[in-house]
N, C-alpha and C. Protein backbone atom coordinates (compact mmCIF):
# COMPACT_ATOMS: atom_id res chain seq x y z
N UNK A 1 14.92 7.46 2.88
CA UNK A 1 13.54 7.23 3.18
C UNK A 1 12.70 8.31 2.53
N UNK A 2 11.46 8.01 2.12
CA UNK A 2 10.67 9.06 1.47
C UNK A 2 10.33 10.18 2.46
N UNK A 3 10.38 11.42 1.97
CA UNK A 3 9.98 12.56 2.78
C UNK A 3 8.59 13.02 2.31
N UNK A 4 8.11 14.09 2.88
CA UNK A 4 6.77 14.58 2.53
C UNK A 4 6.64 14.94 1.06
N UNK A 5 7.67 15.56 0.49
CA UNK A 5 7.61 15.88 -0.94
C UNK A 5 7.55 14.62 -1.80
N UNK A 6 8.33 13.62 -1.44
CA UNK A 6 8.26 12.32 -2.13
C UNK A 6 6.85 11.75 -2.03
N UNK A 7 6.31 11.75 -0.80
CA UNK A 7 4.97 11.22 -0.59
C UNK A 7 3.93 11.93 -1.43
N UNK A 8 4.02 13.26 -1.53
CA UNK A 8 3.07 14.00 -2.36
C UNK A 8 3.17 13.60 -3.81
N UNK A 9 4.40 13.41 -4.31
CA UNK A 9 4.62 13.01 -5.71
C UNK A 9 4.08 11.59 -5.96
N UNK A 10 4.33 10.70 -5.00
CA UNK A 10 3.85 9.31 -5.11
C UNK A 10 2.31 9.29 -5.13
N UNK A 11 1.71 10.03 -4.22
CA UNK A 11 0.24 10.10 -4.13
C UNK A 11 -0.33 10.71 -5.41
N UNK A 12 0.28 11.75 -5.93
CA UNK A 12 -0.20 12.40 -7.16
C UNK A 12 -0.23 11.42 -8.32
N UNK A 13 0.85 10.63 -8.44
CA UNK A 13 0.91 9.63 -9.53
C UNK A 13 -0.16 8.56 -9.34
N UNK A 14 -0.37 8.13 -8.09
CA UNK A 14 -1.36 7.12 -7.81
C UNK A 14 -2.77 7.67 -8.06
N UNK A 15 -2.99 8.92 -7.65
CA UNK A 15 -4.30 9.55 -7.93
C UNK A 15 -4.60 9.63 -9.42
N UNK A 16 -3.58 9.97 -10.20
CA UNK A 16 -3.73 10.05 -11.64
C UNK A 16 -4.17 8.71 -12.21
N UNK A 17 -3.52 7.62 -11.77
CA UNK A 17 -3.88 6.28 -12.24
C UNK A 17 -5.31 5.90 -11.80
N UNK A 18 -5.65 6.21 -10.54
CA UNK A 18 -7.01 5.92 -10.05
C UNK A 18 -8.06 6.66 -10.87
N UNK A 19 -7.77 7.92 -11.23
CA UNK A 19 -8.68 8.68 -12.05
C UNK A 19 -8.83 8.07 -13.46
N UNK A 20 -7.68 7.61 -14.00
CA UNK A 20 -7.71 6.99 -15.32
C UNK A 20 -8.60 5.75 -15.36
N UNK A 21 -8.58 4.95 -14.28
CA UNK A 21 -9.38 3.74 -14.26
C UNK A 21 -10.77 3.98 -13.67
N UNK A 22 -11.02 5.20 -13.24
CA UNK A 22 -12.36 5.60 -12.74
C UNK A 22 -12.72 4.98 -11.38
N UNK A 23 -11.72 4.81 -10.52
CA UNK A 23 -11.94 4.20 -9.23
C UNK A 23 -11.31 5.09 -8.13
N UNK A 24 -12.13 5.78 -7.36
CA UNK A 24 -11.58 6.59 -6.25
C UNK A 24 -10.90 5.72 -5.20
N UNK A 25 -9.76 6.13 -4.71
CA UNK A 25 -8.94 5.34 -3.82
C UNK A 25 -8.51 6.11 -2.58
N UNK A 26 -8.15 5.34 -1.57
CA UNK A 26 -7.38 5.84 -0.43
C UNK A 26 -5.95 5.45 -0.69
N UNK A 27 -5.03 6.38 -0.50
CA UNK A 27 -3.62 6.20 -0.84
C UNK A 27 -2.80 6.64 0.34
N UNK A 28 -1.96 5.73 0.88
CA UNK A 28 -1.11 6.02 2.01
C UNK A 28 0.34 5.78 1.66
N UNK A 29 1.21 6.61 2.20
CA UNK A 29 2.66 6.42 2.04
C UNK A 29 3.29 6.35 3.44
N UNK A 30 4.08 5.31 3.64
CA UNK A 30 4.73 5.10 4.92
C UNK A 30 6.26 5.23 4.79
N UNK A 31 6.90 5.57 5.89
CA UNK A 31 8.34 5.72 5.93
C UNK A 31 9.03 4.38 6.22
N UNK A 32 10.33 4.44 6.44
CA UNK A 32 11.12 3.24 6.64
C UNK A 32 10.66 2.42 7.86
N UNK A 33 10.09 3.09 8.85
CA UNK A 33 9.60 2.41 10.03
C UNK A 33 8.16 1.94 9.90
N UNK A 34 7.56 2.16 8.75
CA UNK A 34 6.17 1.78 8.53
C UNK A 34 5.18 2.79 9.06
N UNK A 35 5.69 3.98 9.44
CA UNK A 35 4.84 5.04 9.97
C UNK A 35 4.27 5.91 8.83
N UNK A 36 3.05 6.36 8.98
CA UNK A 36 2.40 7.17 7.98
C UNK A 36 3.11 8.48 7.75
N UNK A 37 3.38 8.80 6.47
CA UNK A 37 3.91 10.12 6.09
C UNK A 37 2.73 10.98 5.59
N UNK A 38 1.93 10.40 4.71
CA UNK A 38 0.82 11.15 4.10
C UNK A 38 -0.26 10.17 3.66
N UNK A 39 -1.49 10.68 3.62
CA UNK A 39 -2.65 9.89 3.20
C UNK A 39 -3.61 10.79 2.43
N UNK A 40 -4.22 10.27 1.42
CA UNK A 40 -5.26 11.01 0.67
C UNK A 40 -6.46 10.08 0.50
N UNK A 41 -7.65 10.60 0.76
CA UNK A 41 -8.88 9.91 0.44
C UNK A 41 -9.51 10.67 -0.73
N UNK A 42 -9.50 10.08 -1.90
CA UNK A 42 -10.10 10.71 -3.05
C UNK A 42 -11.58 10.84 -2.86
N UNK A 43 -12.20 11.85 -3.46
CA UNK A 43 -13.63 12.04 -3.37
C UNK A 43 -14.36 10.74 -3.77
N UNK A 44 -15.24 10.28 -2.91
CA UNK A 44 -16.02 9.11 -3.20
C UNK A 44 -15.38 7.79 -2.81
N UNK A 45 -14.14 7.81 -2.30
CA UNK A 45 -13.47 6.55 -1.87
C UNK A 45 -14.10 6.09 -0.58
N UNK A 46 -14.14 4.79 -0.40
CA UNK A 46 -14.77 4.19 0.74
C UNK A 46 -14.09 4.62 2.06
N UNK A 47 -14.89 4.92 3.05
CA UNK A 47 -14.38 5.26 4.40
C UNK A 47 -13.61 4.10 5.00
N UNK A 48 -14.10 2.89 4.84
CA UNK A 48 -13.47 1.71 5.42
C UNK A 48 -12.10 1.44 4.86
N UNK A 49 -11.82 2.01 3.71
CA UNK A 49 -10.51 1.78 3.06
C UNK A 49 -9.42 2.73 3.55
N UNK A 50 -9.79 3.72 4.36
CA UNK A 50 -8.77 4.59 4.93
C UNK A 50 -7.80 3.74 5.74
N UNK A 51 -8.36 3.02 6.72
CA UNK A 51 -7.57 2.17 7.59
C UNK A 51 -6.85 1.10 6.81
N UNK A 52 -7.52 0.50 5.82
CA UNK A 52 -6.90 -0.59 5.05
C UNK A 52 -5.70 -0.10 4.26
N UNK A 53 -5.79 1.08 3.65
CA UNK A 53 -4.67 1.59 2.87
C UNK A 53 -3.46 1.85 3.76
N UNK A 54 -3.68 2.40 4.92
CA UNK A 54 -2.59 2.65 5.87
C UNK A 54 -1.95 1.35 6.32
N UNK A 55 -2.80 0.35 6.61
CA UNK A 55 -2.28 -0.93 7.03
C UNK A 55 -1.58 -1.69 5.90
N UNK A 56 -2.02 -1.50 4.66
CA UNK A 56 -1.30 -2.11 3.53
C UNK A 56 0.11 -1.53 3.44
N UNK A 57 0.23 -0.21 3.57
CA UNK A 57 1.58 0.41 3.56
C UNK A 57 2.44 -0.13 4.69
N UNK A 58 1.89 -0.22 5.89
CA UNK A 58 2.63 -0.79 7.02
C UNK A 58 3.07 -2.21 6.70
N UNK A 59 2.14 -3.03 6.26
CA UNK A 59 2.46 -4.44 5.99
C UNK A 59 3.57 -4.59 4.97
N UNK A 60 3.45 -3.82 3.89
CA UNK A 60 4.44 -3.92 2.83
C UNK A 60 5.83 -3.54 3.32
N UNK A 61 5.91 -2.56 4.19
CA UNK A 61 7.19 -2.17 4.75
C UNK A 61 7.65 -3.16 5.83
N UNK A 62 6.74 -3.60 6.66
CA UNK A 62 7.11 -4.50 7.77
C UNK A 62 7.73 -5.80 7.28
N UNK A 63 7.25 -6.28 6.11
CA UNK A 63 7.75 -7.53 5.58
C UNK A 63 8.52 -7.38 4.26
N UNK A 64 8.66 -6.13 3.78
CA UNK A 64 9.41 -5.87 2.57
C UNK A 64 8.96 -6.71 1.37
N UNK A 65 7.61 -6.78 1.22
CA UNK A 65 7.01 -7.58 0.15
C UNK A 65 5.70 -6.89 -0.25
N UNK A 66 5.32 -7.07 -1.50
CA UNK A 66 3.99 -6.53 -1.86
C UNK A 66 2.94 -7.35 -1.09
N UNK A 67 1.84 -6.70 -0.76
CA UNK A 67 0.80 -7.41 -0.05
C UNK A 67 0.15 -8.45 -0.96
N UNK A 68 0.18 -8.22 -2.26
CA UNK A 68 -0.32 -9.22 -3.23
C UNK A 68 0.49 -10.51 -3.11
N UNK A 69 1.81 -10.37 -3.06
CA UNK A 69 2.67 -11.55 -2.96
C UNK A 69 2.53 -12.22 -1.58
N UNK A 70 2.43 -11.40 -0.54
CA UNK A 70 2.26 -11.96 0.81
C UNK A 70 0.97 -12.77 0.87
N UNK A 71 -0.09 -12.29 0.25
CA UNK A 71 -1.35 -12.97 0.25
C UNK A 71 -1.25 -14.37 -0.36
N UNK A 72 -0.45 -14.52 -1.38
CA UNK A 72 -0.34 -15.87 -1.99
C UNK A 72 0.34 -16.86 -1.06
N UNK A 73 1.17 -16.37 -0.13
CA UNK A 73 1.88 -17.24 0.80
C UNK A 73 1.19 -17.37 2.16
N UNK A 74 0.06 -16.73 2.33
CA UNK A 74 -0.60 -16.73 3.64
C UNK A 74 -1.94 -17.47 3.63
N UNK A 75 -2.17 -18.24 2.60
CA UNK A 75 -3.40 -19.03 2.54
C UNK A 75 -3.26 -20.31 3.39
N UNK A 76 -4.34 -20.93 3.71
CA UNK A 76 -4.32 -22.11 4.55
C UNK A 76 -3.35 -23.13 3.99
N UNK A 77 -2.47 -23.59 4.86
CA UNK A 77 -1.47 -24.59 4.49
C UNK A 77 -0.18 -24.02 3.97
N UNK A 78 -0.12 -22.69 3.68
CA UNK A 78 1.09 -22.08 3.20
C UNK A 78 1.95 -21.54 4.35
N UNK A 79 3.18 -21.17 4.03
CA UNK A 79 4.15 -20.85 5.06
C UNK A 79 3.79 -19.68 5.97
N UNK A 80 3.02 -18.70 5.47
CA UNK A 80 2.70 -17.54 6.30
C UNK A 80 1.22 -17.51 6.73
N UNK A 81 0.59 -18.70 6.74
CA UNK A 81 -0.81 -18.78 7.16
C UNK A 81 -0.94 -18.25 8.59
N UNK A 82 -1.88 -17.32 8.82
CA UNK A 82 -2.11 -16.75 10.13
C UNK A 82 -1.36 -15.44 10.34
N UNK A 83 -0.53 -15.01 9.38
CA UNK A 83 0.26 -13.79 9.57
C UNK A 83 -0.62 -12.55 9.74
N UNK A 84 -1.82 -12.59 9.19
CA UNK A 84 -2.74 -11.44 9.27
C UNK A 84 -3.12 -11.17 10.72
N UNK A 85 -2.96 -12.14 11.61
CA UNK A 85 -3.30 -11.96 13.03
C UNK A 85 -2.15 -11.36 13.83
N UNK A 86 -1.01 -11.17 13.19
CA UNK A 86 0.18 -10.62 13.90
C UNK A 86 0.13 -9.10 13.93
N UNK A 87 1.06 -8.54 14.67
CA UNK A 87 1.24 -7.10 14.72
C UNK A 87 -0.05 -6.35 15.12
N UNK A 88 -0.80 -6.93 16.03
CA UNK A 88 -1.99 -6.26 16.55
C UNK A 88 -3.07 -6.05 15.50
N UNK A 89 -3.09 -6.93 14.52
CA UNK A 89 -4.11 -6.80 13.48
C UNK A 89 -3.80 -5.78 12.40
N UNK A 90 -2.57 -5.32 12.35
CA UNK A 90 -2.19 -4.30 11.34
C UNK A 90 -1.83 -4.89 10.01
N UNK A 91 -1.75 -6.23 9.90
CA UNK A 91 -1.27 -6.88 8.68
C UNK A 91 -2.43 -7.12 7.71
N UNK A 92 -2.30 -6.62 6.51
CA UNK A 92 -3.30 -6.81 5.44
C UNK A 92 -2.74 -7.76 4.40
N UNK A 93 -3.50 -8.76 4.05
CA UNK A 93 -3.00 -9.78 3.11
C UNK A 93 -3.81 -9.81 1.80
N UNK A 94 -4.06 -8.63 1.27
CA UNK A 94 -4.59 -8.55 -0.08
C UNK A 94 -3.93 -7.41 -0.83
N UNK A 95 -4.00 -7.46 -2.13
CA UNK A 95 -3.24 -6.57 -3.01
C UNK A 95 -3.46 -5.09 -2.71
N UNK A 96 -2.38 -4.30 -2.96
CA UNK A 96 -2.46 -2.87 -2.85
C UNK A 96 -1.33 -2.23 -2.07
N UNK A 97 -0.44 -3.05 -1.50
CA UNK A 97 0.72 -2.52 -0.79
C UNK A 97 1.97 -2.90 -1.52
N UNK A 98 2.87 -1.91 -1.72
CA UNK A 98 4.12 -2.15 -2.44
C UNK A 98 5.26 -1.43 -1.74
N UNK A 99 6.39 -2.14 -1.51
CA UNK A 99 7.56 -1.48 -0.89
C UNK A 99 8.11 -0.40 -1.85
N UNK A 100 8.65 0.63 -1.27
CA UNK A 100 9.38 1.68 -2.01
C UNK A 100 10.85 1.45 -1.81
N UNK A 101 11.60 1.37 -2.89
CA UNK A 101 13.03 1.06 -2.80
C UNK A 101 13.87 2.19 -3.34
N UNK A 102 14.99 2.41 -2.68
CA UNK A 102 16.02 3.34 -3.14
C UNK A 102 17.36 2.59 -3.08
N UNK A 103 18.06 2.55 -4.18
CA UNK A 103 19.34 1.84 -4.24
C UNK A 103 19.22 0.38 -3.80
N UNK A 104 18.07 -0.26 -4.18
CA UNK A 104 17.88 -1.65 -3.84
C UNK A 104 17.43 -1.94 -2.43
N UNK A 105 17.29 -0.90 -1.60
CA UNK A 105 16.91 -1.05 -0.19
C UNK A 105 15.48 -0.53 0.00
N UNK A 106 14.67 -1.31 0.74
CA UNK A 106 13.32 -0.86 1.05
C UNK A 106 13.40 0.31 2.06
N UNK A 107 12.81 1.44 1.69
CA UNK A 107 12.86 2.62 2.55
C UNK A 107 11.50 3.15 2.90
N UNK A 108 10.44 2.47 2.48
CA UNK A 108 9.10 2.91 2.75
C UNK A 108 8.11 2.05 1.98
N UNK A 109 6.87 2.49 1.90
CA UNK A 109 5.87 1.71 1.18
C UNK A 109 4.68 2.57 0.83
N UNK A 110 3.93 2.12 -0.16
CA UNK A 110 2.65 2.72 -0.51
C UNK A 110 1.55 1.68 -0.27
N UNK A 111 0.41 2.16 0.22
CA UNK A 111 -0.74 1.27 0.38
C UNK A 111 -1.96 1.94 -0.28
N UNK A 112 -2.69 1.15 -1.06
CA UNK A 112 -3.84 1.67 -1.78
C UNK A 112 -5.03 0.74 -1.50
N UNK A 113 -6.19 1.35 -1.28
CA UNK A 113 -7.41 0.56 -1.08
C UNK A 113 -8.62 1.34 -1.59
N UNK A 114 -9.56 0.60 -2.18
CA UNK A 114 -10.77 1.24 -2.65
C UNK A 114 -11.40 0.58 -3.86
N UNK A 115 -10.68 -0.35 -4.45
CA UNK A 115 -11.21 -1.03 -5.62
C UNK A 115 -10.96 -2.52 -5.51
N UNK A 116 -10.90 -3.21 -6.65
CA UNK A 116 -10.56 -4.63 -6.64
C UNK A 116 -9.07 -4.74 -6.32
N UNK A 117 -8.63 -5.95 -6.02
CA UNK A 117 -7.21 -6.15 -5.75
C UNK A 117 -6.36 -5.73 -6.92
N UNK A 118 -6.79 -6.07 -8.10
CA UNK A 118 -6.02 -5.71 -9.30
C UNK A 118 -5.94 -4.17 -9.45
N UNK A 119 -7.07 -3.49 -9.20
CA UNK A 119 -7.07 -2.03 -9.28
C UNK A 119 -6.15 -1.41 -8.22
N UNK A 120 -6.28 -1.91 -6.97
CA UNK A 120 -5.45 -1.39 -5.90
C UNK A 120 -3.96 -1.56 -6.24
N UNK A 121 -3.60 -2.72 -6.72
CA UNK A 121 -2.19 -3.00 -7.02
C UNK A 121 -1.71 -2.11 -8.18
N UNK A 122 -2.53 -1.92 -9.20
CA UNK A 122 -2.15 -1.09 -10.35
C UNK A 122 -1.92 0.35 -9.91
N UNK A 123 -2.78 0.86 -9.05
CA UNK A 123 -2.65 2.23 -8.55
C UNK A 123 -1.41 2.36 -7.67
N UNK A 124 -1.15 1.36 -6.84
CA UNK A 124 0.05 1.37 -6.02
C UNK A 124 1.30 1.30 -6.87
N UNK A 125 1.31 0.51 -7.92
CA UNK A 125 2.42 0.43 -8.84
C UNK A 125 2.72 1.79 -9.48
N UNK A 126 1.67 2.48 -9.87
CA UNK A 126 1.86 3.82 -10.47
C UNK A 126 2.47 4.77 -9.47
N UNK A 127 2.03 4.72 -8.23
CA UNK A 127 2.61 5.57 -7.20
C UNK A 127 4.07 5.20 -6.93
N UNK A 128 4.34 3.91 -6.80
CA UNK A 128 5.71 3.46 -6.52
C UNK A 128 6.68 3.85 -7.66
N UNK A 129 6.18 3.82 -8.86
CA UNK A 129 7.01 4.19 -10.02
C UNK A 129 7.44 5.66 -9.95
N UNK A 130 6.64 6.50 -9.31
CA UNK A 130 6.96 7.92 -9.19
C UNK A 130 8.05 8.18 -8.14
N UNK A 131 8.35 7.19 -7.32
CA UNK A 131 9.37 7.33 -6.28
C UNK A 131 10.74 7.20 -6.91
């Protein structure tokens, strides 16, 4: 499972990508249980995205799927429609959450919020790649 040093490295890589695209982000890293290890709110990132980034990390770990992929399956009429109402409202169904894997096993997740879905996902990918 990611430790604090891993989380700092993941966040640093995500921050670098966010700076490259010019979009301040909230970046959260969760452990194997979906619990927060570390969070950063970049200067100028939306306050409302603090909670969203943490919940994206939780969601990605809780279901071992990127939140972008979960979103495609949770639209009206699809197999996971209504999933966002589960887990006490902690489930986020838009892009920016990605599982962190070690030896093929999900051991944590990153959640990013503050830009468009594409931006959030790209920043999360950069962070996940540093793991």
